Amino acid sequence: VVDHSVLTFLLDPDGIFRDCYGSARTAE
């Protein structure tokens, strides 16, 4: 098993990091 950070990253159209979301966030 590979242990890793459980994060989703949001990049804007300029490739700039805008936000990151942990596993507690719902799809909505």
PDB file of all heavy atoms in Angstrom:
ATOM      1  N   VAL A   1       0.863  -1.187   0.000  1.00  0.00           N
ATOM      2  CA  VAL A   1       0.000   0.000   0.000  1.00  0.00           C
ATOM      3  C   VAL A   1       0.894   1.230   0.000  1.00  0.00           C
ATOM      4  O   VAL A   1       1.968   1.227   0.606  1.00  0.00           O
ATOM      5  CB  VAL A   1      -0.932   0.011   1.236  1.00  0.00           C
ATOM      6  CG1 VAL A   1      -1.690   1.320   1.320  1.00  0.00           C
ATOM      7  CG2 VAL A   1      -1.900  -1.166   1.173  1.00  0.00           C
ATOM      8  N   VAL A   2       0.456   2.268  -0.699  1.00  0.00           N
ATOM      9  CA  VAL A   2       1.221   3.519  -0.745  1.00  0.00           C
ATOM     10  C   VAL A   2       0.493   4.566   0.097  1.00  0.00           C
ATOM     11  O   VAL A   2      -0.654   4.919  -0.193  1.00  0.00           O
ATOM     12  CB  VAL A   2       1.384   4.027  -2.188  1.00  0.00           C
ATOM     13  CG1 VAL A   2       2.226   5.303  -2.196  1.00  0.00           C
ATOM     14  CG2 VAL A   2       2.032   2.957  -3.065  1.00  0.00           C
ATOM     15  N   ASP A   3       1.139   5.019   1.141  1.00  0.00           N
ATOM     16  CA  ASP A   3       0.592   6.088   1.973  1.00  0.00           C
ATOM     17  C   ASP A   3       0.861   7.417   1.277  1.00  0.00           C
ATOM     18  O   ASP A   3       1.973   7.670   0.803  1.00  0.00           O
ATOM     19  CB  ASP A   3       1.255   6.061   3.349  1.00  0.00           C
ATOM     20  CG  ASP A   3       0.581   6.990   4.331  1.00  0.00           C
ATOM     21  OD1 ASP A   3      -0.598   7.339   4.105  1.00  0.00           O
ATOM     22  OD2 ASP A   3       1.229   7.381   5.314  1.00  0.00           O
ATOM     23  N   HIS A   4      -0.160   8.278   1.196  1.00  0.00           N
ATOM     24  CA  HIS A   4       0.020   9.563   0.502  1.00  0.00           C
ATOM     25  C   HIS A   4      -0.979  10.590   1.014  1.00  0.00           C
ATOM     26  O   HIS A   4      -1.986  10.248   1.644  1.00  0.00           O
ATOM     27  CB  HIS A   4      -0.151   9.390  -1.013  1.00  0.00           C
ATOM     28  CG  HIS A   4      -1.527   8.918  -1.413  1.00  0.00           C
ATOM     29  ND1 HIS A   4      -2.548   9.791  -1.720  1.00  0.00           N
ATOM     30  CD2 HIS A   4      -2.027   7.667  -1.555  1.00  0.00           C
ATOM     31  CE1 HIS A   4      -3.629   9.095  -2.030  1.00  0.00           C
ATOM     32  NE2 HIS A   4      -3.347   7.806  -1.936  1.00  0.00           N
ATOM     33  N   SER A   5      -0.688  11.841   0.754  1.00  0.00           N
ATOM     34  CA  SER A   5      -1.591  12.933   1.126  1.00  0.00           C
ATOM     35  C   SER A   5      -2.897  12.792   0.349  1.00  0.00           C
ATOM     36  O   SER A   5      -2.884  12.565  -0.859  1.00  0.00           O
ATOM     37  CB  SER A   5      -0.963  14.288   0.801  1.00  0.00           C
ATOM     38  OG  SER A   5       0.312  14.417   1.385  1.00  0.00           O
ATOM     39  N   VAL A   6      -4.011  12.945   1.055  1.00  0.00           N
ATOM     40  CA  VAL A   6      -5.326  12.849   0.411  1.00  0.00           C
ATOM     41  C   VAL A   6      -5.841  14.268   0.199  1.00  0.00           C
ATOM     42  O   VAL A   6      -6.603  14.813   1.006  1.00  0.00           O
ATOM     43  CB  VAL A   6      -6.298  12.016   1.262  1.00  0.00           C
ATOM     44  CG1 VAL A   6      -7.639  11.862   0.540  1.00  0.00           C
ATOM     45  CG2 VAL A   6      -5.700  10.649   1.562  1.00  0.00           C
ATOM     46  N   LEU A   7      -5.395  14.875  -0.893  1.00  0.00           N
ATOM     47  CA  LEU A   7      -5.752  16.254  -1.206  1.00  0.00           C
ATOM     48  C   LEU A   7      -6.080  16.388  -2.689  1.00  0.00           C
ATOM     49  O   LEU A   7      -5.470  15.719  -3.528  1.00  0.00           O
ATOM     50  CB  LEU A   7      -4.606  17.213  -0.868  1.00  0.00           C
ATOM     51  CG  LEU A   7      -4.247  17.389   0.601  1.00  0.00           C
ATOM     52  CD1 LEU A   7      -2.953  18.186   0.732  1.00  0.00           C
ATOM     53  CD2 LEU A   7      -5.381  18.096   1.344  1.00  0.00           C
ATOM     54  N   THR A   8      -7.046  17.249  -2.986  1.00  0.00           N
ATOM     55  CA  THR A   8      -7.374  17.598  -4.364  1.00  0.00           C
ATOM     56  C   THR A   8      -6.996  19.054  -4.572  1.00  0.00           C
ATOM     57  O   THR A   8      -7.378  19.920  -3.780  1.00  0.00           O
ATOM     58  CB  THR A   8      -8.875  17.407  -4.640  1.00  0.00           C
ATOM     59  OG1 THR A   8      -9.206  16.027  -4.459  1.00  0.00           O
ATOM     60  CG2 THR A   8      -9.223  17.819  -6.065  1.00  0.00           C
ATOM     61  N   PHE A   9      -6.241  19.325  -5.633  1.00  0.00           N
ATOM     62  CA  PHE A   9      -5.740  20.669  -5.900  1.00  0.00           C
ATOM     63  C   PHE A   9      -6.526  21.309  -7.039  1.00  0.00           C
ATOM     64  O   PHE A   9      -6.811  20.655  -8.045  1.00  0.00           O
ATOM     65  CB  PHE A   9      -4.257  20.628  -6.272  1.00  0.00           C
ATOM     66  CG  PHE A   9      -3.386  20.041  -5.189  1.00  0.00           C
ATOM     67  CD1 PHE A   9      -3.116  18.682  -5.160  1.00  0.00           C
ATOM     68  CD2 PHE A   9      -2.858  20.845  -4.189  1.00  0.00           C
ATOM     69  CE1 PHE A   9      -2.325  18.133  -4.171  1.00  0.00           C
ATOM     70  CE2 PHE A   9      -2.064  20.304  -3.191  1.00  0.00           C
ATOM     71  CZ  PHE A   9      -1.800  18.948  -3.178  1.00  0.00           C
ATOM     72  N   LEU A  10      -6.844  22.587  -6.868  1.00  0.00           N
ATOM     73  CA  LEU A  10      -7.520  23.354  -7.914  1.00  0.00           C
ATOM     74  C   LEU A  10      -6.528  24.326  -8.541  1.00  0.00           C
ATOM     75  O   LEU A  10      -5.925  25.136  -7.850  1.00  0.00           O
ATOM     76  CB  LEU A  10      -8.706  24.140  -7.327  1.00  0.00           C
ATOM     77  CG  LEU A  10      -9.423  25.079  -8.301  1.00  0.00           C
ATOM     78  CD1 LEU A  10     -10.121  24.287  -9.410  1.00  0.00           C
ATOM     79  CD2 LEU A  10     -10.432  25.960  -7.551  1.00  0.00           C
ATOM     80  N   LEU A  11      -6.362  24.230  -9.861  1.00  0.00           N
ATOM     81  CA  LEU A  11      -5.518  25.147 -10.614  1.00  0.00           C
ATOM     82  C   LEU A  11      -6.397  25.963 -11.539  1.00  0.00           C
ATOM     83  O   LEU A  11      -7.320  25.424 -12.166  1.00  0.00           O
ATOM     84  CB  LEU A  11      -4.482  24.379 -11.443  1.00  0.00           C
ATOM     85  CG  LEU A  11      -3.562  23.408 -10.700  1.00  0.00           C
ATOM     86  CD1 LEU A  11      -2.618  22.726 -11.690  1.00  0.00           C
ATOM     87  CD2 LEU A  11      -2.770  24.124  -9.624  1.00  0.00           C
ATOM     88  N   ASP A  12      -6.116  27.259 -11.631  1.00  0.00           N
ATOM     89  CA  ASP A  12      -6.911  28.110 -12.516  1.00  0.00           C
ATOM     90  C   ASP A  12      -6.351  28.046 -13.942  1.00  0.00           C
ATOM     91  O   ASP A  12      -5.338  27.381 -14.197  1.00  0.00           O
ATOM     92  CB  ASP A  12      -6.990  29.540 -11.970  1.00  0.00           C
ATOM     93  CG  ASP A  12      -5.675  30.301 -12.028  1.00  0.00           C
ATOM     94  OD1 ASP A  12      -4.778  29.922 -12.798  1.00  0.00           O
ATOM     95  OD2 ASP A  12      -5.545  31.307 -11.298  1.00  0.00           O
ATOM     96  N   PRO A  13      -7.000  28.714 -14.918  1.00  0.00           N
ATOM     97  CA  PRO A  13      -6.527  28.632 -16.305  1.00  0.00           C
ATOM     98  C   PRO A  13      -5.119  29.169 -16.543  1.00  0.00           C
ATOM     99  O   PRO A  13      -4.524  28.887 -17.595  1.00  0.00           O
ATOM    100  CB  PRO A  13      -7.569  29.471 -17.071  1.00  0.00           C
ATOM    101  CG  PRO A  13      -8.813  29.337 -16.253  1.00  0.00           C
ATOM    102  CD  PRO A  13      -8.329  29.356 -14.834  1.00  0.00           C
ATOM    103  N   ASP A  14      -4.575  29.921 -15.577  1.00  0.00           N
ATOM    104  CA  ASP A  14      -3.198  30.391 -15.687  1.00  0.00           C
ATOM    105  C   ASP A  14      -2.203  29.408 -15.063  1.00  0.00           C
ATOM    106  O   ASP A  14      -1.005  29.679 -15.021  1.00  0.00           O
ATOM    107  CB  ASP A  14      -3.040  31.758 -15.008  1.00  0.00           C
ATOM    108  CG  ASP A  14      -3.908  32.813 -15.659  1.00  0.00           C
ATOM    109  OD1 ASP A  14      -3.970  32.851 -16.908  1.00  0.00           O
ATOM    110  OD2 ASP A  14      -4.547  33.596 -14.925  1.00  0.00           O
ATOM    111  N   GLY A  15      -2.718  28.287 -14.563  1.00  0.00           N
ATOM    112  CA  GLY A  15      -1.861  27.294 -13.924  1.00  0.00           C
ATOM    113  C   GLY A  15      -1.514  27.638 -12.492  1.00  0.00           C
ATOM    114  O   GLY A  15      -0.642  27.006 -11.900  1.00  0.00           O
ATOM    115  N   ILE A  16      -2.204  28.649 -11.926  1.00  0.00           N
ATOM    116  CA  ILE A  16      -1.935  29.069 -10.547  1.00  0.00           C
ATOM    117  C   ILE A  16      -2.754  28.228  -9.574  1.00  0.00           C
ATOM    118  O   ILE A  16      -3.941  27.990  -9.779  1.00  0.00           O
ATOM    119  CB  ILE A  16      -2.271  30.565 -10.351  1.00  0.00           C
ATOM    120  CG1 ILE A  16      -1.441  31.431 -11.299  1.00  0.00           C
ATOM    121  CG2 ILE A  16      -2.049  30.989  -8.901  1.00  0.00           C
ATOM    122  CD1 ILE A  16       0.047  31.339 -11.092  1.00  0.00           C
ATOM    123  N   PHE A  17      -2.106  27.792  -8.515  1.00  0.00           N
ATOM    124  CA  PHE A  17      -2.763  27.023  -7.466  1.00  0.00           C
ATOM    125  C   PHE A  17      -3.766  27.912  -6.738  1.00  0.00           C
ATOM    126  O   PHE A  17      -3.409  28.947  -6.181  1.00  0.00           O
ATOM    127  CB  PHE A  17      -1.689  26.509  -6.509  1.00  0.00           C
ATOM    128  CG  PHE A  17      -2.224  25.826  -5.285  1.00  0.00           C
ATOM    129  CD1 PHE A  17      -2.911  24.633  -5.381  1.00  0.00           C
ATOM    130  CD2 PHE A  17      -2.011  26.361  -4.031  1.00  0.00           C
ATOM    131  CE1 PHE A  17      -3.392  23.990  -4.255  1.00  0.00           C
ATOM    132  CE2 PHE A  17      -2.476  25.737  -2.896  1.00  0.00           C
ATOM    133  CZ  PHE A  17      -3.175  24.544  -3.008  1.00  0.00           C
ATOM    134  N   ARG A  18      -5.032  27.529  -6.778  1.00  0.00           N
ATOM    135  CA  ARG A  18      -6.099  28.333  -6.177  1.00  0.00           C
ATOM    136  C   ARG A  18      -6.592  27.811  -4.842  1.00  0.00           C
ATOM    137  O   ARG A  18      -6.963  28.575  -3.964  1.00  0.00           O
ATOM    138  CB  ARG A  18      -7.284  28.406  -7.142  1.00  0.00           C
ATOM    139  CG  ARG A  18      -7.092  29.362  -8.291  1.00  0.00           C
ATOM    140  CD  ARG A  18      -7.595  30.727  -7.914  1.00  0.00           C
ATOM    141  NE  ARG A  18      -7.314  31.724  -8.936  1.00  0.00           N
ATOM    142  CZ  ARG A  18      -7.859  32.930  -8.949  1.00  0.00           C
ATOM    143  NH1 ARG A  18      -8.705  33.274  -8.007  1.00  0.00           N
ATOM    144  NH2 ARG A  18      -7.535  33.791  -9.872  1.00  0.00           N
ATOM    145  N   ASP A  19      -6.660  26.500  -4.700  1.00  0.00           N
ATOM    146  CA  ASP A  19      -7.216  25.941  -3.468  1.00  0.00           C
ATOM    147  C   ASP A  19      -6.870  24.461  -3.394  1.00  0.00           C
ATOM    148  O   ASP A  19      -6.441  23.863  -4.379  1.00  0.00           O
ATOM    149  CB  ASP A  19      -8.740  26.109  -3.438  1.00  0.00           C
ATOM    150  CG  ASP A  19      -9.267  26.412  -2.049  1.00  0.00           C
ATOM    151  OD1 ASP A  19      -8.608  26.007  -1.073  1.00  0.00           O
ATOM    152  OD2 ASP A  19     -10.327  27.047  -1.930  1.00  0.00           O
ATOM    153  N   CYS A  20      -7.047  23.893  -2.207  1.00  0.00           N
ATOM    154  CA  CYS A  20      -6.924  22.448  -2.069  1.00  0.00           C
ATOM    155  C   CYS A  20      -8.010  21.968  -1.119  1.00  0.00           C
ATOM    156  O   CYS A  20      -8.462  22.711  -0.243  1.00  0.00           O
ATOM    157  CB  CYS A  20      -5.542  22.032  -1.594  1.00  0.00           C
ATOM    158  SG  CYS A  20      -5.121  22.545   0.073  1.00  0.00           S
ATOM    159  N   TYR A  21      -8.432  20.735  -1.319  1.00  0.00           N
ATOM    160  CA  TYR A  21      -9.576  20.198  -0.598  1.00  0.00           C
ATOM    161  C   TYR A  21      -9.214  18.864   0.030  1.00  0.00           C
ATOM    162  O   TYR A  21      -8.667  17.984  -0.630  1.00  0.00           O
ATOM    163  CB  TYR A  21     -10.763  20.013  -1.557  1.00  0.00           C
ATOM    164  CG  TYR A  21     -11.066  21.250  -2.369  1.00  0.00           C
ATOM    165  CD1 TYR A  21     -10.683  21.337  -3.709  1.00  0.00           C
ATOM    166  CD2 TYR A  21     -11.718  22.338  -1.788  1.00  0.00           C
ATOM    167  CE1 TYR A  21     -10.946  22.479  -4.449  1.00  0.00           C
ATOM    168  CE2 TYR A  21     -11.991  23.484  -2.527  1.00  0.00           C
ATOM    169  CZ  TYR A  21     -11.592  23.546  -3.853  1.00  0.00           C
ATOM    170  OH  TYR A  21     -11.851  24.684  -4.577  1.00  0.00           O
ATOM    171  N   GLY A  22      -9.531  18.735   1.303  1.00  0.00           N
ATOM    172  CA  GLY A  22      -9.303  17.487   2.004  1.00  0.00           C
ATOM    173  C   GLY A  22     -10.441  16.513   1.782  1.00  0.00           C
ATOM    174  O   GLY A  22     -11.436  16.815   1.108  1.00  0.00           O
ATOM    175  N   SER A  23     -10.327  15.345   2.377  1.00  0.00           N
ATOM    176  CA  SER A  23     -11.310  14.293   2.155  1.00  0.00           C
ATOM    177  C   SER A  23     -12.656  14.577   2.805  1.00  0.00           C
ATOM    178  O   SER A  23     -13.652  13.933   2.475  1.00  0.00           O
ATOM    179  CB  SER A  23     -10.768  12.956   2.670  1.00  0.00           C
ATOM    180  OG  SER A  23     -10.441  13.054   4.053  1.00  0.00           O
ATOM    181  N   ALA A  24     -12.713  15.549   3.713  1.00  0.00           N
ATOM    182  CA  ALA A  24     -13.964  15.830   4.408  1.00  0.00           C
ATOM    183  C   ALA A  24     -14.949  16.625   3.548  1.00  0.00           C
ATOM    184  O   ALA A  24     -16.142  16.656   3.839  1.00  0.00           O
ATOM    185  CB  ALA A  24     -13.687  16.602   5.705  1.00  0.00           C
ATOM    186  N   ARG A  25     -14.463  17.262   2.491  1.00  0.00           N
ATOM    187  CA  ARG A  25     -15.350  18.052   1.625  1.00  0.00           C
ATOM    188  C   ARG A  25     -16.255  17.142   0.807  1.00  0.00           C
ATOM    189  O   ARG A  25     -15.803  16.168   0.216  1.00  0.00           O
ATOM    190  CB  ARG A  25     -14.529  18.924   0.674  1.00  0.00           C
ATOM    191  CG  ARG A  25     -13.767  20.056   1.330  1.00  0.00           C
ATOM    192  CD  ARG A  25     -14.689  21.179   1.765  1.00  0.00           C
ATOM    193  NE  ARG A  25     -13.916  22.356   2.137  1.00  0.00           N
ATOM    194  CZ  ARG A  25     -13.755  23.402   1.332  1.00  0.00           C
ATOM    195  NH1 ARG A  25     -14.282  23.426   0.134  1.00  0.00           N
ATOM    196  NH2 ARG A  25     -13.038  24.434   1.753  1.00  0.00           N
ATOM    197  N   THR A  26     -17.537  17.485   0.753  1.00  0.00           N
ATOM    198  CA  THR A  26     -18.459  16.736  -0.098  1.00  0.00           C
ATOM    199  C   THR A  26     -18.329  17.225  -1.539  1.00  0.00           C
ATOM    200  O   THR A  26     -17.730  18.277  -1.805  1.00  0.00           O
ATOM    201  CB  THR A  26     -19.912  16.934   0.358  1.00  0.00           C
ATOM    202  OG1 THR A  26     -20.281  18.315   0.159  1.00  0.00           O
ATOM    203  CG2 THR A  26     -20.079  16.562   1.829  1.00  0.00           C
ATOM    204  N   ALA A  27     -18.901  16.471  -2.466  1.00  0.00           N
ATOM    205  CA  ALA A  27     -18.876  16.876  -3.874  1.00  0.00           C
ATOM    206  C   ALA A  27     -19.581  18.208  -4.064  1.00  0.00           C
ATOM    207  O   ALA A  27     -19.130  19.067  -4.835  1.00  0.00           O
ATOM    208  CB  ALA A  27     -19.531  15.797  -4.734  1.00  0.00           C
ATOM    209  N   GLU A  28     -20.673  18.396  -3.328  1.00  0.00           N
ATOM    210  CA  GLU A  28     -21.428  19.654  -3.437  1.00  0.00           C
ATOM    211  C   GLU A  28     -20.613  20.834  -2.924  1.00  0.00           C
ATOM    212  O   GLU A  28     -20.600  21.908  -3.544  1.00  0.00           O
ATOM    213  CB  GLU A  28     -22.748  19.537  -2.659  1.00  0.00           C
ATOM    214  CG  GLU A  28     -23.773  18.598  -3.271  1.00  0.00           C
ATOM    215  CD  GLU A  28     -23.420  17.121  -3.102  1.00  0.00           C
ATOM    216  OE1 GLU A  28     -22.577  16.793  -2.219  1.00  0.00           O
ATOM    217  OE2 GLU A  28     -23.988  16.294  -3.836  1.00  0.00           O
TER     218      GLU A  28
END
